[in-house]
Each structure stands twice: as structure tokens, then as C-alpha cells.
Amino acid sequence: MSPRILVAEDDHGVRTTLGFILEDAGYEVIFAEDGEQALEAAQGQGPDLILLDNLMPKLDGKEVFSRLRADPETRAIPVMVLSGMDQESHDEWEGAQFIGKPFSFDDLIARIEHLLADA
């Protein structure tokens, strides 16, 4: 069974592109367009890794991350934050990995493989 990745990204073009890249690399992809959908998908579909946009409607990435870490069912899921902004305090994102936008698809896949191997 292929690892399942939740892509939580509000930009349709970025979400679609990530879906193609990840599926081509052999991953099963789940999509969320906002923070509320991201939480529901994380809790209901058990992804192996989450690609989390920092700036999303309804709940931003930081709030989603905080709620994921507070829930025993989602606490251990590796999270990679996709952000065009500078990385914020490590205290607020403890355990998250960051990848800045724009990013190389090869780098993204390599980092995903590394995170999944460590999980």
C-alpha cells in the first residue's frame, strides 16, 4: 500500500501540481482546501504525512498544526509546512519541517522520503 499524503493547500494550482508530482512518485494523495478540511482529513483518513500550507482560510497552518499536536490520534503524523514566509519561532512549530515556496520538486520528494523513513 502506498504512503498517503494529505496536501492542505488553498491555492488550486499549487494543490493540483503537488497532486500530480506526488502521485507520479507513487503516493496516494488526499486534498484539503482549508484548515478545517485539513483537520477533518487528518483525523478521518489517517495520512502518513501532511504537507501543510501556512496561510489558509478558516484555520491557518499554525492553528491546524497546534490542533494536530494536541490530538493523540494525529500527534505523531509528520508535518511539512509549505510557506512563502520566513520560518517563525520553533516553539510554535515544534517537530515540523519547513520547505519554502518556491521549492524544487526533487527536493520536496527527497524530504518526504526522508520524513517517511524516519516516521
C-alpha atoms as a PDB file:
ATOM      1  CA  MET A   1       0.000   0.000   0.000  1.00  0.00           C
ATOM      2  CA  SER A   2       1.364   3.412  -0.983  1.00  0.00           C
ATOM      3  CA  PRO A   3       2.007   6.019   1.696  1.00  0.00           C
ATOM      4  CA  ARG A   4      -0.862   8.514   1.950  1.00  0.00           C
ATOM      5  CA  ILE A   5      -0.061  12.231   1.910  1.00  0.00           C
ATOM      6  CA  LEU A   6      -2.504  14.957   2.857  1.00  0.00           C
ATOM      7  CA  VAL A   7      -1.958  18.130   0.820  1.00  0.00           C
ATOM      8  CA  ALA A   8      -3.535  21.047   2.702  1.00  0.00           C
ATOM      9  CA  GLU A   9      -3.213  23.979   0.301  1.00  0.00           C
ATOM     10  CA  ASP A  10      -5.775  26.644  -0.636  1.00  0.00           C
ATOM     11  CA  ASP A  11      -4.211  27.575  -3.994  1.00  0.00           C
ATOM     12  CA  HIS A  12      -5.842  25.340  -6.616  1.00  0.00           C
ATOM     13  CA  GLY A  13      -2.858  25.448  -8.989  1.00  0.00           C
ATOM     14  CA  VAL A  14      -0.329  24.549  -6.291  1.00  0.00           C
ATOM     15  CA  ARG A  15      -2.633  21.825  -4.916  1.00  0.00           C
ATOM     16  CA  THR A  16      -3.115  20.280  -8.369  1.00  0.00           C
ATOM     17  CA  THR A  17       0.579  20.426  -9.224  1.00  0.00           C
ATOM     18  CA  LEU A  18       1.539  18.825  -5.909  1.00  0.00           C
ATOM     19  CA  GLY A  19      -1.043  16.108  -6.546  1.00  0.00           C
ATOM     20  CA  PHE A  20       0.464  15.256  -9.936  1.00  0.00           C
ATOM     21  CA  ILE A  21       4.030  15.254  -8.589  1.00  0.00           C
ATOM     22  CA  LEU A  22       3.191  13.111  -5.550  1.00  0.00           C
ATOM     23  CA  GLU A  23       1.039  10.625  -7.470  1.00  0.00           C
ATOM     24  CA  ASP A  24       3.781  10.306 -10.087  1.00  0.00           C
ATOM     25  CA  ALA A  25       6.208   9.494  -7.243  1.00  0.00           C
ATOM     26  CA  GLY A  26       3.897   6.685  -6.102  1.00  0.00           C
ATOM     27  CA  TYR A  27       1.995   8.323  -3.248  1.00  0.00           C
ATOM     28  CA  GLU A  28      -1.725   8.291  -2.575  1.00  0.00           C
ATOM     29  CA  VAL A  29      -2.875  11.909  -2.216  1.00  0.00           C
ATOM     30  CA  ILE A  30      -5.681  13.415  -0.145  1.00  0.00           C
ATOM     31  CA  PHE A  31      -6.585  17.080  -0.647  1.00  0.00           C
ATOM     32  CA  ALA A  32      -7.829  19.812   1.658  1.00  0.00           C
ATOM     33  CA  GLU A  33      -8.591  23.380   0.563  1.00  0.00           C
ATOM     34  CA  ASP A  34      -8.685  24.989   4.007  1.00  0.00           C
ATOM     35  CA  GLY A  35      -7.684  24.381   7.609  1.00  0.00           C
ATOM     36  CA  GLU A  36     -10.984  22.819   8.664  1.00  0.00           C
ATOM     37  CA  GLN A  37     -10.860  20.297   5.810  1.00  0.00           C
ATOM     38  CA  ALA A  38      -7.232  19.559   6.698  1.00  0.00           C
ATOM     39  CA  LEU A  39      -8.137  18.670  10.283  1.00  0.00           C
ATOM     40  CA  GLU A  40     -11.073  16.523   9.185  1.00  0.00           C
ATOM     41  CA  ALA A  41      -8.932  14.656   6.658  1.00  0.00           C
ATOM     42  CA  ALA A  42      -6.083  14.157   9.131  1.00  0.00           C
ATOM     43  CA  GLN A  43      -8.441  12.768  11.753  1.00  0.00           C
ATOM     44  CA  GLY A  44     -10.593  10.709   9.394  1.00  0.00           C
ATOM     45  CA  GLN A  45      -8.233   9.394   6.738  1.00  0.00           C
ATOM     46  CA  GLY A  46      -5.005   8.711   8.618  1.00  0.00           C
ATOM     47  CA  PRO A  47      -2.375  10.223   6.333  1.00  0.00           C
ATOM     48  CA  ASP A  48       1.241   9.129   6.701  1.00  0.00           C
ATOM     49  CA  LEU A  49       2.462  12.703   6.187  1.00  0.00           C
ATOM     50  CA  ILE A  50       0.895  16.155   5.885  1.00  0.00           C
ATOM     51  CA  LEU A  51       2.009  18.956   3.562  1.00  0.00           C
ATOM     52  CA  LEU A  52       0.512  21.980   5.305  1.00  0.00           C
ATOM     53  CA  ASP A  53       0.239  25.448   3.803  1.00  0.00           C
ATOM     54  CA  ASN A  54       0.806  28.152   6.405  1.00  0.00           C
ATOM     55  CA  LEU A  55      -1.728  30.657   5.053  1.00  0.00           C
ATOM     56  CA  MET A  56      -5.156  29.078   4.509  1.00  0.00           C
ATOM     57  CA  PRO A  57      -8.769  30.139   5.035  1.00  0.00           C
ATOM     58  CA  LYS A  58     -10.850  29.161   8.084  1.00  0.00           C
ATOM     59  CA  LEU A  59      -7.876  27.902  10.119  1.00  0.00           C
ATOM     60  CA  ASP A  60      -4.304  28.873   9.323  1.00  0.00           C
ATOM     61  CA  GLY A  61      -1.463  26.378   9.263  1.00  0.00           C
ATOM     62  CA  LYS A  62      -0.298  27.245  12.768  1.00  0.00           C
ATOM     63  CA  GLU A  63      -3.747  26.552  14.240  1.00  0.00           C
ATOM     64  CA  VAL A  64      -4.080  23.303  12.290  1.00  0.00           C
ATOM     65  CA  PHE A  65      -0.625  22.219  13.457  1.00  0.00           C
ATOM     66  CA  SER A  66      -1.450  23.059  17.071  1.00  0.00           C
ATOM     67  CA  ARG A  67      -4.673  21.038  16.940  1.00  0.00           C
ATOM     68  CA  LEU A  68      -2.933  18.112  15.241  1.00  0.00           C
ATOM     69  CA  ARG A  69      -0.323  18.000  18.006  1.00  0.00           C
ATOM     70  CA  ALA A  70      -2.987  18.239  20.734  1.00  0.00           C
ATOM     71  CA  ASP A  71      -4.875  15.196  19.383  1.00  0.00           C
ATOM     72  CA  PRO A  72      -3.420  11.791  20.354  1.00  0.00           C
ATOM     73  CA  GLU A  73      -4.619  10.311  17.029  1.00  0.00           C
ATOM     74  CA  THR A  74      -2.737  12.851  14.886  1.00  0.00           C
ATOM     75  CA  ARG A  75       0.126  13.892  17.160  1.00  0.00           C
ATOM     76  CA  ALA A  76       2.730  11.624  15.536  1.00  0.00           C
ATOM     77  CA  ILE A  77       1.951  12.405  11.876  1.00  0.00           C
ATOM     78  CA  PRO A  78       4.979  14.112  10.285  1.00  0.00           C
ATOM     79  CA  VAL A  79       4.165  17.634   9.067  1.00  0.00           C
ATOM     80  CA  MET A  80       5.980  19.624   6.409  1.00  0.00           C
ATOM     81  CA  VAL A  81       4.961  23.282   6.339  1.00  0.00           C
ATOM     82  CA  LEU A  82       4.843  24.935   2.915  1.00  0.00           C
ATOM     83  CA  SER A  83       5.486  28.624   3.362  1.00  0.00           C
ATOM     84  CA  GLY A  84       6.498  31.629   1.332  1.00  0.00           C
ATOM     85  CA  MET A  85       7.189  33.484   4.579  1.00  0.00           C
ATOM     86  CA  ASP A  86      10.144  33.254   6.925  1.00  0.00           C
ATOM     87  CA  GLN A  87      10.046  30.417   9.420  1.00  0.00           C
ATOM     88  CA  GLU A  88       8.510  31.518  12.689  1.00  0.00           C
ATOM     89  CA  SER A  89       9.500  30.547  16.194  1.00  0.00           C
ATOM     90  CA  HIS A  90      10.466  26.894  16.538  1.00  0.00           C
ATOM     91  CA  ASP A  91       8.463  26.761  19.764  1.00  0.00           C
ATOM     92  CA  GLU A  92       5.221  27.227  17.858  1.00  0.00           C
ATOM     93  CA  TRP A  93       6.090  24.600  15.252  1.00  0.00           C
ATOM     94  CA  GLU A  94       7.918  22.018  17.362  1.00  0.00           C
ATOM     95  CA  GLY A  95       8.685  18.965  15.267  1.00  0.00           C
ATOM     96  CA  ALA A  96       7.537  20.448  11.953  1.00  0.00           C
ATOM     97  CA  GLN A  97       9.766  20.603   8.904  1.00  0.00           C
ATOM     98  CA  PHE A  98       9.700  23.666   6.664  1.00  0.00           C
ATOM     99  CA  ILE A  99      10.050  23.983   2.922  1.00  0.00           C
ATOM    100  CA  GLY A 100       9.951  27.444   1.400  1.00  0.00           C
ATOM    101  CA  LYS A 101       7.931  28.381  -1.659  1.00  0.00           C
ATOM    102  CA  PRO A 102       9.007  28.128  -4.379  1.00  0.00           C
ATOM    103  CA  PHE A 103      10.647  24.752  -3.940  1.00  0.00           C
ATOM    104  CA  SER A 104      12.230  22.129  -6.143  1.00  0.00           C
ATOM    105  CA  PHE A 105      10.019  19.092  -6.709  1.00  0.00           C
ATOM    106  CA  ASP A 106      13.050  16.801  -6.458  1.00  0.00           C
ATOM    107  CA  ASP A 107      13.936  18.357  -3.096  1.00  0.00           C
ATOM    108  CA  LEU A 108      10.345  18.012  -1.910  1.00  0.00           C
ATOM    109  CA  ILE A 109      10.184  14.305  -2.809  1.00  0.00           C
ATOM    110  CA  ALA A 110      13.587  13.648  -1.202  1.00  0.00           C
ATOM    111  CA  ARG A 111      12.497  15.359   2.018  1.00  0.00           C
ATOM    112  CA  ILE A 112       9.185  13.475   2.047  1.00  0.00           C
ATOM    113  CA  GLU A 113      11.020  10.165   1.599  1.00  0.00           C
ATOM    114  CA  HIS A 114      13.359  11.085   4.450  1.00  0.00           C
ATOM    115  CA  LEU A 115      10.498  12.048   6.792  1.00  0.00           C
ATOM    116  CA  LEU A 116       8.555   8.867   5.996  1.00  0.00           C
ATOM    117  CA  ALA A 117      11.645   6.723   6.567  1.00  0.00           C
ATOM    118  CA  ASP A 118      12.138   8.343   9.988  1.00  0.00           C
ATOM    119  CA  ALA A 119       8.477   8.015  10.998  1.00  0.00           C
END
